[in-house]
Amino acid sequence: MENRIKLVVVEENVLGYIMPQLPRIVQILHTSILKGSRFSERSVIYTDYVKSIRLASKEDFNDFRVSFNGFDNPQEYEYSID
């Protein structure tokens, strides 16, 4: 079992993370209504009900205007290095 927290982008309009203990739930870091998000930042997303989900990259953090500094730890977080 992977013990790292996954940093993800959901439907290209939500930046979030998935805890290893809750693999079907995305905790939201930031949403973008300009990109079409229908989710609130104070909610969670069940992965069963989304069309697309992928690993986030440092560029995604820039796009969502969220600092990547605290997440730049490959031993604790899994993210795309593209």
PDB file of N, CA and C in Angstrom:
ATOM      1  N   MET A   1       0.836  -1.197   0.000  1.00  0.00           N
ATOM      2  CA  MET A   1       0.000   0.000   0.000  1.00  0.00           C
ATOM      3  C   MET A   1       0.876   1.254   0.000  1.00  0.00           C
ATOM      4  N   GLU A   2       0.547   2.163  -0.864  1.00  0.00           N
ATOM      5  CA  GLU A   2       1.264   3.442  -0.949  1.00  0.00           C
ATOM      6  C   GLU A   2       0.906   4.309   0.257  1.00  0.00           C
ATOM      7  N   ASN A   3       1.911   4.818   0.929  1.00  0.00           N
ATOM      8  CA  ASN A   3       1.680   5.625   2.129  1.00  0.00           C
ATOM      9  C   ASN A   3       1.789   7.120   1.890  1.00  0.00           C
ATOM     10  N   ARG A   4       2.048   7.525   0.645  1.00  0.00           N
ATOM     11  CA  ARG A   4       2.160   8.953   0.358  1.00  0.00           C
ATOM     12  C   ARG A   4       0.785   9.560   0.055  1.00  0.00           C
ATOM     13  N   ILE A   5       0.661  10.833   0.334  1.00  0.00           N
ATOM     14  CA  ILE A   5      -0.549  11.583   0.016  1.00  0.00           C
ATOM     15  C   ILE A   5      -0.473  11.979  -1.451  1.00  0.00           C
ATOM     16  N   LYS A   6      -1.531  11.717  -2.219  1.00  0.00           N
ATOM     17  CA  LYS A   6      -1.562  12.054  -3.638  1.00  0.00           C
ATOM     18  C   LYS A   6      -2.109  13.458  -3.822  1.00  0.00           C
ATOM     19  N   LEU A   7      -1.371  14.284  -4.546  1.00  0.00           N
ATOM     20  CA  LEU A   7      -1.831  15.611  -4.923  1.00  0.00           C
ATOM     21  C   LEU A   7      -2.476  15.476  -6.296  1.00  0.00           C
ATOM     22  N   VAL A   8      -3.727  15.910  -6.438  1.00  0.00           N
ATOM     23  CA  VAL A   8      -4.496  15.619  -7.649  1.00  0.00           C
ATOM     24  C   VAL A   8      -5.222  16.852  -8.188  1.00  0.00           C
ATOM     25  N   VAL A   9      -5.568  16.751  -9.465  1.00  0.00           N
ATOM     26  CA  VAL A   9      -6.457  17.702 -10.125  1.00  0.00           C
ATOM     27  C   VAL A   9      -7.683  16.915 -10.554  1.00  0.00           C
ATOM     28  N   VAL A  10      -8.856  17.402 -10.162  1.00  0.00           N
ATOM     29  CA  VAL A  10     -10.119  16.746 -10.488  1.00  0.00           C
ATOM     30  C   VAL A  10     -10.832  17.572 -11.553  1.00  0.00           C
ATOM     31  N   GLU A  11     -11.188  16.918 -12.644  1.00  0.00           N
ATOM     32  CA  GLU A  11     -11.933  17.531 -13.749  1.00  0.00           C
ATOM     33  C   GLU A  11     -11.328  18.861 -14.203  1.00  0.00           C
ATOM     34  N   GLU A  12     -10.018  19.021 -14.042  1.00  0.00           N
ATOM     35  CA  GLU A  12      -9.267  20.202 -14.478  1.00  0.00           C
ATOM     36  C   GLU A  12      -9.708  21.497 -13.803  1.00  0.00           C
ATOM     37  N   ASN A  13     -10.543  21.415 -12.732  1.00  0.00           N
ATOM     38  CA  ASN A  13     -10.971  22.638 -12.071  1.00  0.00           C
ATOM     39  C   ASN A  13     -10.925  22.583 -10.541  1.00  0.00           C
ATOM     40  N   VAL A  14     -10.364  21.521  -9.992  1.00  0.00           N
ATOM     41  CA  VAL A  14     -10.217  21.382  -8.542  1.00  0.00           C
ATOM     42  C   VAL A  14      -8.818  20.847  -8.237  1.00  0.00           C
ATOM     43  N   LEU A  15      -8.147  21.499  -7.299  1.00  0.00           N
ATOM     44  CA  LEU A  15      -6.850  21.037  -6.805  1.00  0.00           C
ATOM     45  C   LEU A  15      -7.096  20.440  -5.425  1.00  0.00           C
ATOM     46  N   GLY A  16      -6.619  19.216  -5.221  1.00  0.00           N
ATOM     47  CA  GLY A  16      -6.864  18.572  -3.936  1.00  0.00           C
ATOM     48  C   GLY A  16      -5.834  17.501  -3.627  1.00  0.00           C
ATOM     49  N   TYR A  17      -6.147  16.719  -2.600  1.00  0.00           N
ATOM     50  CA  TYR A  17      -5.254  15.635  -2.205  1.00  0.00           C
ATOM     51  C   TYR A  17      -6.067  14.448  -1.729  1.00  0.00           C
ATOM     52  N   ILE A  18      -5.455  13.262  -1.841  1.00  0.00           N
ATOM     53  CA  ILE A  18      -6.086  12.014  -1.412  1.00  0.00           C
ATOM     54  C   ILE A  18      -5.195  11.377  -0.354  1.00  0.00           C
ATOM     55  N   MET A  19      -5.751  11.182   0.828  1.00  0.00           N
ATOM     56  CA  MET A  19      -5.040  10.520   1.918  1.00  0.00           C
ATOM     57  C   MET A  19      -5.023   9.012   1.655  1.00  0.00           C
ATOM     58  N   PRO A  20      -3.926   8.321   1.975  1.00  0.00           N
ATOM     59  CA  PRO A  20      -3.866   6.873   1.739  1.00  0.00           C
ATOM     60  C   PRO A  20      -4.955   6.096   2.486  1.00  0.00           C
ATOM     61  N   GLN A  21      -5.380   6.593   3.629  1.00  0.00           N
ATOM     62  CA  GLN A  21      -6.402   5.910   4.428  1.00  0.00           C
ATOM     63  C   GLN A  21      -7.808   6.082   3.844  1.00  0.00           C
ATOM     64  N   LEU A  22      -7.988   7.096   2.978  1.00  0.00           N
ATOM     65  CA  LEU A  22      -9.293   7.379   2.369  1.00  0.00           C
ATOM     66  C   LEU A  22      -9.126   7.503   0.847  1.00  0.00           C
ATOM     67  N   PRO A  23      -8.844   6.399   0.172  1.00  0.00           N
ATOM     68  CA  PRO A  23      -8.472   6.466  -1.249  1.00  0.00           C
ATOM     69  C   PRO A  23      -9.584   6.881  -2.201  1.00  0.00           C
ATOM     70  N   ARG A  24     -10.823   6.947  -1.745  1.00  0.00           N
ATOM     71  CA  ARG A  24     -11.936   7.330  -2.623  1.00  0.00           C
ATOM     72  C   ARG A  24     -12.435   8.747  -2.356  1.00  0.00           C
ATOM     73  N   ILE A  25     -11.733   9.492  -1.502  1.00  0.00           N
ATOM     74  CA  ILE A  25     -12.173  10.850  -1.153  1.00  0.00           C
ATOM     75  C   ILE A  25     -11.068  11.852  -1.443  1.00  0.00           C
ATOM     76  N   VAL A  26     -11.427  12.909  -2.173  1.00  0.00           N
ATOM     77  CA  VAL A  26     -10.501  14.006  -2.454  1.00  0.00           C
ATOM     78  C   VAL A  26     -10.806  15.143  -1.487  1.00  0.00           C
ATOM     79  N   GLN A  27      -9.809  15.552  -0.728  1.00  0.00           N
ATOM     80  CA  GLN A  27      -9.909  16.735   0.119  1.00  0.00           C
ATOM     81  C   GLN A  27      -9.536  17.926  -0.760  1.00  0.00           C
ATOM     82  N   ILE A  28     -10.315  18.977  -0.733  1.00  0.00           N
ATOM     83  CA  ILE A  28     -10.125  20.098  -1.650  1.00  0.00           C
ATOM     84  C   ILE A  28      -9.167  21.131  -1.068  1.00  0.00           C
ATOM     85  N   LEU A  29      -8.177  21.516  -1.875  1.00  0.00           N
ATOM     86  CA  LEU A  29      -7.286  22.622  -1.536  1.00  0.00           C
ATOM     87  C   LEU A  29      -7.788  23.929  -2.151  1.00  0.00           C
ATOM     88  N   HIS A  30      -8.216  23.858  -3.417  1.00  0.00           N
ATOM     89  CA  HIS A  30      -8.699  25.060  -4.107  1.00  0.00           C
ATOM     90  C   HIS A  30      -9.574  24.655  -5.280  1.00  0.00           C
ATOM     91  N   THR A  31     -10.601  25.453  -5.542  1.00  0.00           N
ATOM     92  CA  THR A  31     -11.463  25.234  -6.701  1.00  0.00           C
ATOM     93  C   THR A  31     -11.424  26.462  -7.598  1.00  0.00           C
ATOM     94  N   SER A  32     -11.837  26.297  -8.836  1.00  0.00           N
ATOM     95  CA  SER A  32     -11.910  27.419  -9.765  1.00  0.00           C
ATOM     96  C   SER A  32     -13.261  27.412 -10.467  1.00  0.00           C
ATOM     97  N   ILE A  33     -14.117  28.345 -10.071  1.00  0.00           N
ATOM     98  CA  ILE A  33     -15.404  28.438 -10.765  1.00  0.00           C
ATOM     99  C   ILE A  33     -15.210  28.951 -12.181  1.00  0.00           C
ATOM    100  N   LEU A  34     -14.108  29.684 -12.405  1.00  0.00           N
ATOM    101  CA  LEU A  34     -13.817  30.165 -13.760  1.00  0.00           C
ATOM    102  C   LEU A  34     -13.499  29.008 -14.707  1.00  0.00           C
ATOM    103  N   LYS A  35     -12.984  27.912 -14.157  1.00  0.00           N
ATOM    104  CA  LYS A  35     -12.693  26.715 -14.953  1.00  0.00           C
ATOM    105  C   LYS A  35     -13.859  25.737 -14.947  1.00  0.00           C
ATOM    106  N   GLY A  36     -14.955  26.089 -14.266  1.00  0.00           N
ATOM    107  CA  GLY A  36     -16.161  25.271 -14.292  1.00  0.00           C
ATOM    108  C   GLY A  36     -16.410  24.415 -13.069  1.00  0.00           C
ATOM    109  N   SER A  37     -15.736  24.673 -11.965  1.00  0.00           N
ATOM    110  CA  SER A  37     -15.938  23.848 -10.777  1.00  0.00           C
ATOM    111  C   SER A  37     -17.333  24.042 -10.203  1.00  0.00           C
ATOM    112  N   ARG A  38     -17.925  22.955  -9.777  1.00  0.00           N
ATOM    113  CA  ARG A  38     -19.225  22.985  -9.113  1.00  0.00           C
ATOM    114  C   ARG A  38     -19.091  22.613  -7.633  1.00  0.00           C
ATOM    115  N   PHE A  39     -17.849  22.515  -7.151  1.00  0.00           N
ATOM    116  CA  PHE A  39     -17.584  22.090  -5.790  1.00  0.00           C
ATOM    117  C   PHE A  39     -17.208  23.281  -4.909  1.00  0.00           C
ATOM    118  N   SER A  40     -17.510  23.165  -3.633  1.00  0.00           N
ATOM    119  CA  SER A  40     -17.135  24.167  -2.641  1.00  0.00           C
ATOM    120  C   SER A  40     -15.807  23.768  -2.007  1.00  0.00           C
ATOM    121  N   GLU A  41     -15.017  24.748  -1.604  1.00  0.00           N
ATOM    122  CA  GLU A  41     -13.742  24.443  -0.957  1.00  0.00           C
ATOM    123  C   GLU A  41     -13.936  23.827   0.423  1.00  0.00           C
ATOM    124  N   ARG A  42     -15.125  23.873   0.949  1.00  0.00           N
ATOM    125  CA  ARG A  42     -15.398  23.305   2.275  1.00  0.00           C
ATOM    126  C   ARG A  42     -16.050  21.927   2.182  1.00  0.00           C
ATOM    127  N   SER A  43     -15.886  21.283   1.045  1.00  0.00           N
ATOM    128  CA  SER A  43     -16.485  19.964   0.873  1.00  0.00           C
ATOM    129  C   SER A  43     -15.418  18.963   0.450  1.00  0.00           C
ATOM    130  N   VAL A  44     -15.832  17.731   0.268  1.00  0.00           N
ATOM    131  CA  VAL A  44     -14.959  16.683  -0.254  1.00  0.00           C
ATOM    132  C   VAL A  44     -15.588  16.154  -1.541  1.00  0.00           C
ATOM    133  N   ILE A  45     -14.786  15.445  -2.319  1.00  0.00           N
ATOM    134  CA  ILE A  45     -15.268  14.868  -3.571  1.00  0.00           C
ATOM    135  C   ILE A  45     -15.043  13.365  -3.516  1.00  0.00           C
ATOM    136  N   TYR A  46     -16.078  12.603  -3.819  1.00  0.00           N
ATOM    137  CA  TYR A  46     -15.941  11.160  -3.914  1.00  0.00           C
ATOM    138  C   TYR A  46     -15.490  10.807  -5.331  1.00  0.00           C
ATOM    139  N   THR A  47     -14.405  10.080  -5.437  1.00  0.00           N
ATOM    140  CA  THR A  47     -13.815   9.785  -6.745  1.00  0.00           C
ATOM    141  C   THR A  47     -14.738   8.959  -7.641  1.00  0.00           C
ATOM    142  N   ASP A  48     -15.715   8.287  -7.060  1.00  0.00           N
ATOM    143  CA  ASP A  48     -16.653   7.492  -7.858  1.00  0.00           C
ATOM    144  C   ASP A  48     -17.501   8.365  -8.784  1.00  0.00           C
ATOM    145  N   TYR A  49     -17.625   9.649  -8.460  1.00  0.00           N
ATOM    146  CA  TYR A  49     -18.555  10.526  -9.173  1.00  0.00           C
ATOM    147  C   TYR A  49     -17.877  11.591 -10.025  1.00  0.00           C
ATOM    148  N   VAL A  50     -16.612  11.422 -10.335  1.00  0.00           N
ATOM    149  CA  VAL A  50     -15.923  12.412 -11.168  1.00  0.00           C
ATOM    150  C   VAL A  50     -15.543  11.797 -12.510  1.00  0.00           C
ATOM    151  N   LYS A  51     -15.442  12.654 -13.509  1.00  0.00           N
ATOM    152  CA  LYS A  51     -15.121  12.188 -14.862  1.00  0.00           C
ATOM    153  C   LYS A  51     -13.630  11.979 -15.053  1.00  0.00           C
ATOM    154  N   SER A  52     -12.812  12.836 -14.442  1.00  0.00           N
ATOM    155  CA  SER A  52     -11.366  12.701 -14.621  1.00  0.00           C
ATOM    156  C   SER A  52     -10.628  13.134 -13.365  1.00  0.00           C
ATOM    157  N   ILE A  53      -9.527  12.448 -13.119  1.00  0.00           N
ATOM    158  CA  ILE A  53      -8.664  12.774 -11.995  1.00  0.00           C
ATOM    159  C   ILE A  53      -7.243  12.387 -12.401  1.00  0.00           C
ATOM    160  N   ARG A  54      -6.293  13.259 -12.063  1.00  0.00           N
ATOM    161  CA  ARG A  54      -4.900  12.988 -12.414  1.00  0.00           C
ATOM    162  C   ARG A  54      -3.997  13.561 -11.329  1.00  0.00           C
ATOM    163  N   LEU A  55      -2.748  13.112 -11.326  1.00  0.00           N
ATOM    164  CA  LEU A  55      -1.784  13.669 -10.386  1.00  0.00           C
ATOM    165  C   LEU A  55      -1.504  15.128 -10.746  1.00  0.00           C
ATOM    166  N   ALA A  56      -1.412  15.968  -9.738  1.00  0.00           N
ATOM    167  CA  ALA A  56      -1.108  17.387  -9.937  1.00  0.00           C
ATOM    168  C   ALA A  56       0.393  17.579 -10.115  1.00  0.00           C
ATOM    169  N   SER A  57       0.755  18.675 -10.740  1.00  0.00           N
ATOM    170  CA  SER A  57       2.156  19.050 -10.915  1.00  0.00           C
ATOM    171  C   SER A  57       2.400  20.397 -10.240  1.00  0.00           C
ATOM    172  N   LYS A  58       3.663  20.799 -10.199  1.00  0.00           N
ATOM    173  CA  LYS A  58       3.983  22.125  -9.657  1.00  0.00           C
ATOM    174  C   LYS A  58       3.292  23.210 -10.473  1.00  0.00           C
ATOM    175  N   GLU A  59       3.197  23.002 -11.763  1.00  0.00           N
ATOM    176  CA  GLU A  59       2.522  23.970 -12.638  1.00  0.00           C
ATOM    177  C   GLU A  59       1.041  24.116 -12.274  1.00  0.00           C
ATOM    178  N   ASP A  60       0.398  23.017 -11.897  1.00  0.00           N
ATOM    179  CA  ASP A  60      -1.005  23.091 -11.467  1.00  0.00           C
ATOM    180  C   ASP A  60      -1.146  23.976 -10.229  1.00  0.00           C
ATOM    181  N   PHE A  61      -0.207  23.860  -9.303  1.00  0.00           N
ATOM    182  CA  PHE A  61      -0.248  24.714  -8.113  1.00  0.00           C
ATOM    183  C   PHE A  61      -0.140  26.179  -8.519  1.00  0.00           C
ATOM    184  N   ASN A  62       0.715  26.481  -9.494  1.00  0.00           N
ATOM    185  CA  ASN A  62       0.817  27.854 -10.006  1.00  0.00           C
ATOM    186  C   ASN A  62      -0.495  28.297 -10.648  1.00  0.00           C
ATOM    187  N   ASP A  63      -1.092  27.419 -11.466  1.00  0.00           N
ATOM    188  CA  ASP A  63      -2.353  27.745 -12.140  1.00  0.00           C
ATOM    189  C   ASP A  63      -3.469  28.047 -11.153  1.00  0.00           C
ATOM    190  N   PHE A  64      -3.505  27.309 -10.040  1.00  0.00           N
ATOM    191  CA  PHE A  64      -4.545  27.518  -9.024  1.00  0.00           C
ATOM    192  C   PHE A  64      -4.131  28.555  -7.975  1.00  0.00           C
ATOM    193  N   ARG A  65      -2.927  29.112  -8.147  1.00  0.00           N
ATOM    194  CA  ARG A  65      -2.389  30.135  -7.238  1.00  0.00           C
ATOM    195  C   ARG A  65      -2.316  29.644  -5.791  1.00  0.00           C
ATOM    196  N   VAL A  66      -1.794  28.420  -5.662  1.00  0.00           N
ATOM    197  CA  VAL A  66      -1.557  27.803  -4.357  1.00  0.00           C
ATOM    198  C   VAL A  66      -0.058  27.547  -4.240  1.00  0.00           C
ATOM    199  N   SER A  67       0.528  27.907  -3.118  1.00  0.00           N
ATOM    200  CA  SER A  67       1.970  27.707  -2.922  1.00  0.00           C
ATOM    201  C   SER A  67       2.295  26.214  -2.850  1.00  0.00           C
ATOM    202  N   PHE A  68       3.326  25.828  -3.575  1.00  0.00           N
ATOM    203  CA  PHE A  68       3.770  24.438  -3.584  1.00  0.00           C
ATOM    204  C   PHE A  68       4.825  24.169  -2.506  1.00  0.00           C
ATOM    205  N   ASN A  69       5.311  25.207  -1.847  1.00  0.00           N
ATOM    206  CA  ASN A  69       6.423  25.072  -0.895  1.00  0.00           C
ATOM    207  C   ASN A  69       6.216  23.972   0.142  1.00  0.00           C
ATOM    208  N   GLY A  70       5.103  23.923   0.795  1.00  0.00           N
ATOM    209  CA  GLY A  70       4.875  22.921   1.825  1.00  0.00           C
ATOM    210  C   GLY A  70       4.636  21.515   1.300  1.00  0.00           C
ATOM    211  N   PHE A  71       4.388  21.391   0.000  1.00  0.00           N
ATOM    212  CA  PHE A  71       4.094  20.087  -0.607  1.00  0.00           C
ATOM    213  C   PHE A  71       5.280  19.495  -1.354  1.00  0.00           C
ATOM    214  N   ASP A  72       6.356  20.237  -1.484  1.00  0.00           N
ATOM    215  CA  ASP A  72       7.524  19.790  -2.245  1.00  0.00           C
ATOM    216  C   ASP A  72       8.360  18.814  -1.427  1.00  0.00           C
ATOM    217  N   ASN A  73       7.774  17.654  -1.144  1.00  0.00           N
ATOM    218  CA  ASN A  73       8.409  16.628  -0.325  1.00  0.00           C
ATOM    219  C   ASN A  73       8.017  15.259  -0.895  1.00  0.00           C
ATOM    220  N   PRO A  74       8.814  14.700  -1.813  1.00  0.00           N
ATOM    221  CA  PRO A  74       8.448  13.446  -2.471  1.00  0.00           C
ATOM    222  C   PRO A  74       8.344  12.235  -1.537  1.00  0.00           C
ATOM    223  N   GLN A  75       8.905  12.319  -0.355  1.00  0.00           N
ATOM    224  CA  GLN A  75       8.746  11.211   0.592  1.00  0.00           C
ATOM    225  C   GLN A  75       7.337  11.191   1.189  1.00  0.00           C
ATOM    226  N   GLU A  76       6.696  12.358   1.265  1.00  0.00           N
ATOM    227  CA  GLU A  76       5.368  12.454   1.867  1.00  0.00           C
ATOM    228  C   GLU A  76       4.251  12.586   0.837  1.00  0.00           C
ATOM    229  N   TYR A  77       4.548  13.234  -0.298  1.00  0.00           N
ATOM    230  CA  TYR A  77       3.530  13.509  -1.308  1.00  0.00           C
ATOM    231  C   TYR A  77       3.891  12.878  -2.643  1.00  0.00           C
ATOM    232  N   GLU A  78       2.869  12.398  -3.343  1.00  0.00           N
ATOM    233  CA  GLU A  78       3.030  11.889  -4.706  1.00  0.00           C
ATOM    234  C   GLU A  78       2.419  12.906  -5.655  1.00  0.00           C
ATOM    235  N   TYR A  79       3.188  13.333  -6.644  1.00  0.00           N
ATOM    236  CA  TYR A  79       2.720  14.308  -7.622  1.00  0.00           C
ATOM    237  C   TYR A  79       3.465  14.091  -8.928  1.00  0.00           C
ATOM    238  N   SER A  80       2.949  14.692  -9.976  1.00  0.00           N
ATOM    239  CA  SER A  80       3.564  14.560 -11.295  1.00  0.00           C
ATOM    240  C   SER A  80       4.788  15.461 -11.389  1.00  0.00           C
ATOM    241  N   ILE A  81       5.848  14.951 -11.979  1.00  0.00           N
ATOM    242  CA  ILE A  81       7.059  15.752 -12.112  1.00  0.00           C
ATOM    243  C   ILE A  81       7.193  16.337 -13.518  1.00  0.00           C
ATOM    244  N   ASP A  82       6.134  16.263 -14.315  1.00  0.00           N
ATOM    245  CA  ASP A  82       6.154  16.819 -15.686  1.00  0.00           C
ATOM    246  C   ASP A  82       6.165  18.317 -15.657  1.00  0.00           C
TER     247      ASP A  82
END
